[in-house]
Amino acid sequence: MTEKQPGDMRRQIEDRFINEWGLLANAWGVSPLLGRIHGLLLLMGRPMTAEEVCERLDISRASASVQLNAILGWGLARRMYLPADRRQHYLAEPEPWTWFRRAVRVRKEREFDPVIAGLNEAAAEAQRVAQSAGDQELGGEAERLAYLLKFVRLFFGGIETFLQIEPAALQAFLKLSDEQ
């Protein structure tokens, strides 16, 4: 039986983390490949070229390019150039609190804010039509919509508050809730 070399074991551990990070991204509704690339950048802790990413993850240059641009758009990494090297390099934001807050903010702006705007319009329209037509059934629906909208606003106000809290204070709060 062949004994595993430390390099082989390291590669297996890296692969497991990278794949699990991809699954976590998928659970958040994000491409698993985006998660795998982000996991690789986090794990390596150094600037990497797109070619290095492609080689390490065995993916196409086109796939890497699309996902690296998405990673930049989410604020999870930054593009940089190294001295005497004309290639673009990508470096993950190492502080989890920073990139997590950025990702939540981007997701809220891209996905939830438009839905809230649509809910606002639907509730206002239901209220207006119910009043002008004297439709009591629609009036009841308008009230329920207004109630649900109040909940949604409160919930997303809480997310906005969360995004404003300093990471150290948030960590202290979460540590306290973990101890109970």
C-alpha atoms as a PDB file:
ATOM      1  CA  MET A   1       0.000   0.000   0.000  1.00  0.00           C
ATOM      2  CA  THR A   2       1.312   3.434  -0.938  1.00  0.00           C
ATOM      3  CA  GLU A   3       1.582   6.021   1.781  1.00  0.00           C
ATOM      4  CA  LYS A   4       0.154   9.438   0.946  1.00  0.00           C
ATOM      5  CA  GLN A   5       2.712  12.174   0.553  1.00  0.00           C
ATOM      6  CA  PRO A   6       2.173  15.470   2.420  1.00  0.00           C
ATOM      7  CA  GLY A   7       1.706  17.297  -0.911  1.00  0.00           C
ATOM      8  CA  ASP A   8      -1.035  14.862  -1.937  1.00  0.00           C
ATOM      9  CA  MET A   9      -2.753  15.276   1.402  1.00  0.00           C
ATOM     10  CA  ARG A  10      -2.507  19.054   1.140  1.00  0.00           C
ATOM     11  CA  ARG A  11      -4.060  18.945  -2.326  1.00  0.00           C
ATOM     12  CA  GLN A  12      -6.922  16.766  -1.049  1.00  0.00           C
ATOM     13  CA  ILE A  13      -7.570  19.145   1.842  1.00  0.00           C
ATOM     14  CA  GLU A  14      -7.495  22.139  -0.510  1.00  0.00           C
ATOM     15  CA  ASP A  15      -9.849  20.403  -2.945  1.00  0.00           C
ATOM     16  CA  ARG A  16     -12.265  19.570  -0.161  1.00  0.00           C
ATOM     17  CA  PHE A  17     -12.335  23.169   1.103  1.00  0.00           C
ATOM     18  CA  ILE A  18     -12.709  24.570  -2.423  1.00  0.00           C
ATOM     19  CA  ASN A  19     -15.559  22.186  -3.243  1.00  0.00           C
ATOM     20  CA  GLU A  20     -17.333  22.812   0.061  1.00  0.00           C
ATOM     21  CA  TRP A  21     -17.007  26.577  -0.496  1.00  0.00           C
ATOM     22  CA  GLY A  22     -18.637  26.053  -3.882  1.00  0.00           C
ATOM     23  CA  LEU A  23     -21.520  24.189  -2.226  1.00  0.00           C
ATOM     24  CA  LEU A  24     -21.898  27.010   0.294  1.00  0.00           C
ATOM     25  CA  ALA A  25     -22.058  29.531  -2.564  1.00  0.00           C
ATOM     26  CA  ASN A  26     -24.695  27.390  -4.263  1.00  0.00           C
ATOM     27  CA  ALA A  27     -26.756  27.380  -1.046  1.00  0.00           C
ATOM     28  CA  TRP A  28     -26.676  31.197  -1.213  1.00  0.00           C
ATOM     29  CA  GLY A  29     -28.006  31.060  -4.770  1.00  0.00           C
ATOM     30  CA  VAL A  30     -24.641  31.841  -6.354  1.00  0.00           C
ATOM     31  CA  SER A  31     -22.802  29.788  -8.955  1.00  0.00           C
ATOM     32  CA  PRO A  32     -20.862  26.924  -7.378  1.00  0.00           C
ATOM     33  CA  LEU A  33     -17.970  27.721  -9.724  1.00  0.00           C
ATOM     34  CA  LEU A  34     -17.901  31.296  -8.437  1.00  0.00           C
ATOM     35  CA  GLY A  35     -17.725  29.844  -4.935  1.00  0.00           C
ATOM     36  CA  ARG A  36     -14.942  27.439  -5.868  1.00  0.00           C
ATOM     37  CA  ILE A  37     -12.869  30.247  -7.408  1.00  0.00           C
ATOM     38  CA  HIS A  38     -13.482  32.481  -4.391  1.00  0.00           C
ATOM     39  CA  GLY A  39     -12.547  29.591  -2.105  1.00  0.00           C
ATOM     40  CA  LEU A  40      -9.312  29.058  -4.043  1.00  0.00           C
ATOM     41  CA  LEU A  41      -8.398  32.758  -3.835  1.00  0.00           C
ATOM     42  CA  LEU A  42      -9.161  32.803  -0.104  1.00  0.00           C
ATOM     43  CA  LEU A  43      -7.195  29.655   0.545  1.00  0.00           C
ATOM     44  CA  MET A  44      -4.116  30.668  -1.441  1.00  0.00           C
ATOM     45  CA  GLY A  45      -3.988  34.109   0.202  1.00  0.00           C
ATOM     46  CA  ARG A  46      -1.917  35.555  -2.628  1.00  0.00           C
ATOM     47  CA  PRO A  47      -2.613  37.220  -5.963  1.00  0.00           C
ATOM     48  CA  MET A  48      -3.395  34.668  -8.674  1.00  0.00           C
ATOM     49  CA  THR A  49      -3.720  35.023 -12.433  1.00  0.00           C
ATOM     50  CA  ALA A  50      -6.742  33.733 -14.315  1.00  0.00           C
ATOM     51  CA  GLU A  51      -4.443  31.147 -15.886  1.00  0.00           C
ATOM     52  CA  GLU A  52      -3.425  29.849 -12.454  1.00  0.00           C
ATOM     53  CA  VAL A  53      -7.080  29.631 -11.454  1.00  0.00           C
ATOM     54  CA  CYS A  54      -7.917  27.727 -14.651  1.00  0.00           C
ATOM     55  CA  GLU A  55      -5.055  25.299 -14.177  1.00  0.00           C
ATOM     56  CA  ARG A  56      -5.740  24.651 -10.491  1.00  0.00           C
ATOM     57  CA  LEU A  57      -9.488  24.129 -10.923  1.00  0.00           C
ATOM     58  CA  ASP A  58      -9.311  22.563 -14.385  1.00  0.00           C
ATOM     59  CA  ILE A  59     -11.784  25.036 -15.899  1.00  0.00           C
ATOM     60  CA  SER A  60     -11.911  26.962 -19.172  1.00  0.00           C
ATOM     61  CA  ARG A  61     -10.541  30.479 -19.528  1.00  0.00           C
ATOM     62  CA  ALA A  62     -14.011  31.725 -20.518  1.00  0.00           C
ATOM     63  CA  SER A  63     -15.613  30.272 -17.369  1.00  0.00           C
ATOM     64  CA  ALA A  64     -12.869  31.716 -15.194  1.00  0.00           C
ATOM     65  CA  SER A  65     -13.223  35.138 -16.802  1.00  0.00           C
ATOM     66  CA  VAL A  66     -16.989  35.275 -16.278  1.00  0.00           C
ATOM     67  CA  GLN A  67     -16.755  34.136 -12.663  1.00  0.00           C
ATOM     68  CA  LEU A  68     -13.771  36.350 -11.793  1.00  0.00           C
ATOM     69  CA  ASN A  69     -15.689  39.373 -13.099  1.00  0.00           C
ATOM     70  CA  ALA A  70     -18.663  38.337 -10.959  1.00  0.00           C
ATOM     71  CA  ILE A  71     -16.361  37.989  -7.943  1.00  0.00           C
ATOM     72  CA  LEU A  72     -15.099  41.522  -8.580  1.00  0.00           C
ATOM     73  CA  GLY A  73     -18.692  42.731  -8.919  1.00  0.00           C
ATOM     74  CA  TRP A  74     -19.603  41.211  -5.573  1.00  0.00           C
ATOM     75  CA  GLY A  75     -16.590  42.898  -3.940  1.00  0.00           C
ATOM     76  CA  LEU A  76     -15.099  39.565  -2.880  1.00  0.00           C
ATOM     77  CA  ALA A  77     -11.720  40.223  -4.491  1.00  0.00           C
ATOM     78  CA  ARG A  78      -9.801  42.940  -6.262  1.00  0.00           C
ATOM     79  CA  ARG A  79      -7.868  43.057  -9.510  1.00  0.00           C
ATOM     80  CA  MET A  80      -4.248  44.069  -9.291  1.00  0.00           C
ATOM     81  CA  TYR A  81      -1.017  44.152 -11.246  1.00  0.00           C
ATOM     82  CA  LEU A  82       2.300  42.983  -9.889  1.00  0.00           C
ATOM     83  CA  PRO A  83       5.571  44.745 -10.722  1.00  0.00           C
ATOM     84  CA  ALA A  84       7.199  43.490 -13.936  1.00  0.00           C
ATOM     85  CA  ASP A  85       4.140  41.381 -14.785  1.00  0.00           C
ATOM     86  CA  ARG A  86       1.595  42.660 -17.290  1.00  0.00           C
ATOM     87  CA  ARG A  87      -0.981  40.020 -16.399  1.00  0.00           C
ATOM     88  CA  GLN A  88      -3.994  40.759 -14.224  1.00  0.00           C
ATOM     89  CA  HIS A  89      -3.961  39.143 -10.817  1.00  0.00           C
ATOM     90  CA  TYR A  90      -6.858  38.582  -8.436  1.00  0.00           C
ATOM     91  CA  LEU A  91      -6.595  38.805  -4.682  1.00  0.00           C
ATOM     92  CA  ALA A  92      -9.436  37.808  -2.361  1.00  0.00           C
ATOM     93  CA  GLU A  93     -10.479  40.209   0.365  1.00  0.00           C
ATOM     94  CA  PRO A  94      -9.047  38.317   3.346  1.00  0.00           C
ATOM     95  CA  GLU A  95     -11.355  39.754   6.012  1.00  0.00           C
ATOM     96  CA  PRO A  96     -14.586  37.699   6.103  1.00  0.00           C
ATOM     97  CA  TRP A  97     -16.599  40.467   7.767  1.00  0.00           C
ATOM     98  CA  THR A  98     -15.680  42.879   4.980  1.00  0.00           C
ATOM     99  CA  TRP A  99     -16.530  40.643   2.037  1.00  0.00           C
ATOM    100  CA  PHE A 100     -19.609  39.206   3.716  1.00  0.00           C
ATOM    101  CA  ARG A 101     -21.027  42.685   4.329  1.00  0.00           C
ATOM    102  CA  ARG A 102     -20.238  43.677   0.751  1.00  0.00           C
ATOM    103  CA  ALA A 103     -21.926  40.553  -0.612  1.00  0.00           C
ATOM    104  CA  VAL A 104     -25.042  41.103   1.502  1.00  0.00           C
ATOM    105  CA  ARG A 105     -25.236  44.754   0.415  1.00  0.00           C
ATOM    106  CA  VAL A 106     -24.823  43.889  -3.283  1.00  0.00           C
ATOM    107  CA  ARG A 107     -27.401  41.126  -3.065  1.00  0.00           C
ATOM    108  CA  LYS A 108     -29.861  43.412  -1.291  1.00  0.00           C
ATOM    109  CA  GLU A 109     -29.423  46.142  -3.909  1.00  0.00           C
ATOM    110  CA  ARG A 110     -29.593  43.797  -6.905  1.00  0.00           C
ATOM    111  CA  GLU A 111     -32.281  41.400  -5.808  1.00  0.00           C
ATOM    112  CA  PHE A 112     -34.356  42.631  -2.900  1.00  0.00           C
ATOM    113  CA  ASP A 113     -34.655  46.385  -3.429  1.00  0.00           C
ATOM    114  CA  PRO A 114     -36.423  45.941  -6.811  1.00  0.00           C
ATOM    115  CA  VAL A 115     -38.842  43.450  -5.226  1.00  0.00           C
ATOM    116  CA  ILE A 116     -39.595  45.857  -2.382  1.00  0.00           C
ATOM    117  CA  ALA A 117     -40.234  48.625  -4.921  1.00  0.00           C
ATOM    118  CA  GLY A 118     -42.658  46.324  -6.757  1.00  0.00           C
ATOM    119  CA  LEU A 119     -44.423  45.434  -3.506  1.00  0.00           C
ATOM    120  CA  ASN A 120     -44.751  49.138  -2.681  1.00  0.00           C
ATOM    121  CA  GLU A 121     -46.338  49.776  -6.067  1.00  0.00           C
ATOM    122  CA  ALA A 122     -48.688  46.800  -5.755  1.00  0.00           C
ATOM    123  CA  ALA A 123     -49.830  47.854  -2.268  1.00  0.00           C
ATOM    124  CA  ALA A 124     -50.375  51.475  -3.333  1.00  0.00           C
ATOM    125  CA  GLU A 125     -52.303  50.407  -6.436  1.00  0.00           C
ATOM    126  CA  ALA A 126     -54.474  47.976  -4.446  1.00  0.00           C
ATOM    127  CA  GLN A 127     -55.278  50.680  -1.913  1.00  0.00           C
ATOM    128  CA  ARG A 128     -56.054  53.266  -4.612  1.00  0.00           C
ATOM    129  CA  VAL A 129     -58.293  50.971  -6.667  1.00  0.00           C
ATOM    130  CA  ALA A 130     -60.089  49.597  -3.574  1.00  0.00           C
ATOM    131  CA  GLN A 131     -60.918  53.115  -2.393  1.00  0.00           C
ATOM    132  CA  SER A 132     -61.959  54.492  -5.787  1.00  0.00           C
ATOM    133  CA  ALA A 133     -64.077  51.437  -6.673  1.00  0.00           C
ATOM    134  CA  GLY A 134     -65.410  50.878  -3.160  1.00  0.00           C
ATOM    135  CA  ASP A 135     -64.290  47.256  -3.423  1.00  0.00           C
ATOM    136  CA  GLN A 136     -64.264  45.868   0.136  1.00  0.00           C
ATOM    137  CA  GLU A 137     -62.672  42.566  -0.852  1.00  0.00           C
ATOM    138  CA  LEU A 138     -59.817  44.375  -2.570  1.00  0.00           C
ATOM    139  CA  GLY A 139     -59.675  46.682   0.456  1.00  0.00           C
ATOM    140  CA  GLY A 140     -59.022  43.636   2.649  1.00  0.00           C
ATOM    141  CA  GLU A 141     -56.313  42.470   0.278  1.00  0.00           C
ATOM    142  CA  ALA A 142     -54.795  45.950   0.323  1.00  0.00           C
ATOM    143  CA  GLU A 143     -54.686  45.847   4.129  1.00  0.00           C
ATOM    144  CA  ARG A 144     -52.976  42.448   4.072  1.00  0.00           C
ATOM    145  CA  LEU A 145     -50.494  43.710   1.479  1.00  0.00           C
ATOM    146  CA  ALA A 146     -49.755  46.765   3.631  1.00  0.00           C
ATOM    147  CA  TYR A 147     -49.217  44.519   6.659  1.00  0.00           C
ATOM    148  CA  LEU A 148     -46.842  42.224   4.742  1.00  0.00           C
ATOM    149  CA  LEU A 149     -45.033  45.227   3.315  1.00  0.00           C
ATOM    150  CA  LYS A 150     -44.533  46.592   6.833  1.00  0.00           C
ATOM    151  CA  PHE A 151     -42.915  43.267   7.797  1.00  0.00           C
ATOM    152  CA  VAL A 152     -40.671  43.273   4.703  1.00  0.00           C
ATOM    153  CA  ARG A 153     -39.564  46.868   5.372  1.00  0.00           C
ATOM    154  CA  LEU A 154     -38.817  46.028   9.005  1.00  0.00           C
ATOM    155  CA  PHE A 155     -36.845  42.927   7.995  1.00  0.00           C
ATOM    156  CA  PHE A 156     -34.759  44.754   5.413  1.00  0.00           C
ATOM    157  CA  GLY A 157     -34.298  47.663   7.811  1.00  0.00           C
ATOM    158  CA  GLY A 158     -32.752  45.092  10.144  1.00  0.00           C
ATOM    159  CA  ILE A 159     -30.399  43.971   7.388  1.00  0.00           C
ATOM    160  CA  GLU A 160     -29.422  47.594   6.774  1.00  0.00           C
ATOM    161  CA  THR A 161     -28.755  48.006  10.505  1.00  0.00           C
ATOM    162  CA  PHE A 162     -26.655  44.836  10.456  1.00  0.00           C
ATOM    163  CA  LEU A 163     -24.569  46.288   7.620  1.00  0.00           C
ATOM    164  CA  GLN A 164     -23.913  49.457   9.652  1.00  0.00           C
ATOM    165  CA  ILE A 165     -22.617  47.685  12.778  1.00  0.00           C
ATOM    166  CA  GLU A 166     -18.858  47.638  13.145  1.00  0.00           C
ATOM    167  CA  PRO A 167     -17.422  44.123  12.733  1.00  0.00           C
ATOM    168  CA  ALA A 168     -15.921  44.071  16.256  1.00  0.00           C
ATOM    169  CA  ALA A 169     -19.289  44.921  17.827  1.00  0.00           C
ATOM    170  CA  LEU A 170     -21.048  42.366  15.661  1.00  0.00           C
ATOM    171  CA  GLN A 171     -18.524  39.685  16.594  1.00  0.00           C
ATOM    172  CA  ALA A 172     -19.012  40.480  20.288  1.00  0.00           C
ATOM    173  CA  PHE A 173     -22.794  40.247  19.896  1.00  0.00           C
ATOM    174  CA  LEU A 174     -22.601  36.952  18.009  1.00  0.00           C
ATOM    175  CA  LYS A 175     -20.151  35.562  20.558  1.00  0.00           C
ATOM    176  CA  LEU A 176     -22.601  36.430  23.338  1.00  0.00           C
ATOM    177  CA  SER A 177     -25.496  34.758  21.568  1.00  0.00           C
ATOM    178  CA  ASP A 178     -23.334  31.681  20.953  1.00  0.00           C
ATOM    179  CA  GLU A 179     -22.576  31.344  24.681  1.00  0.00           C
ATOM    180  CA  GLN A 180     -26.239  31.205  25.698  1.00  0.00           C
END
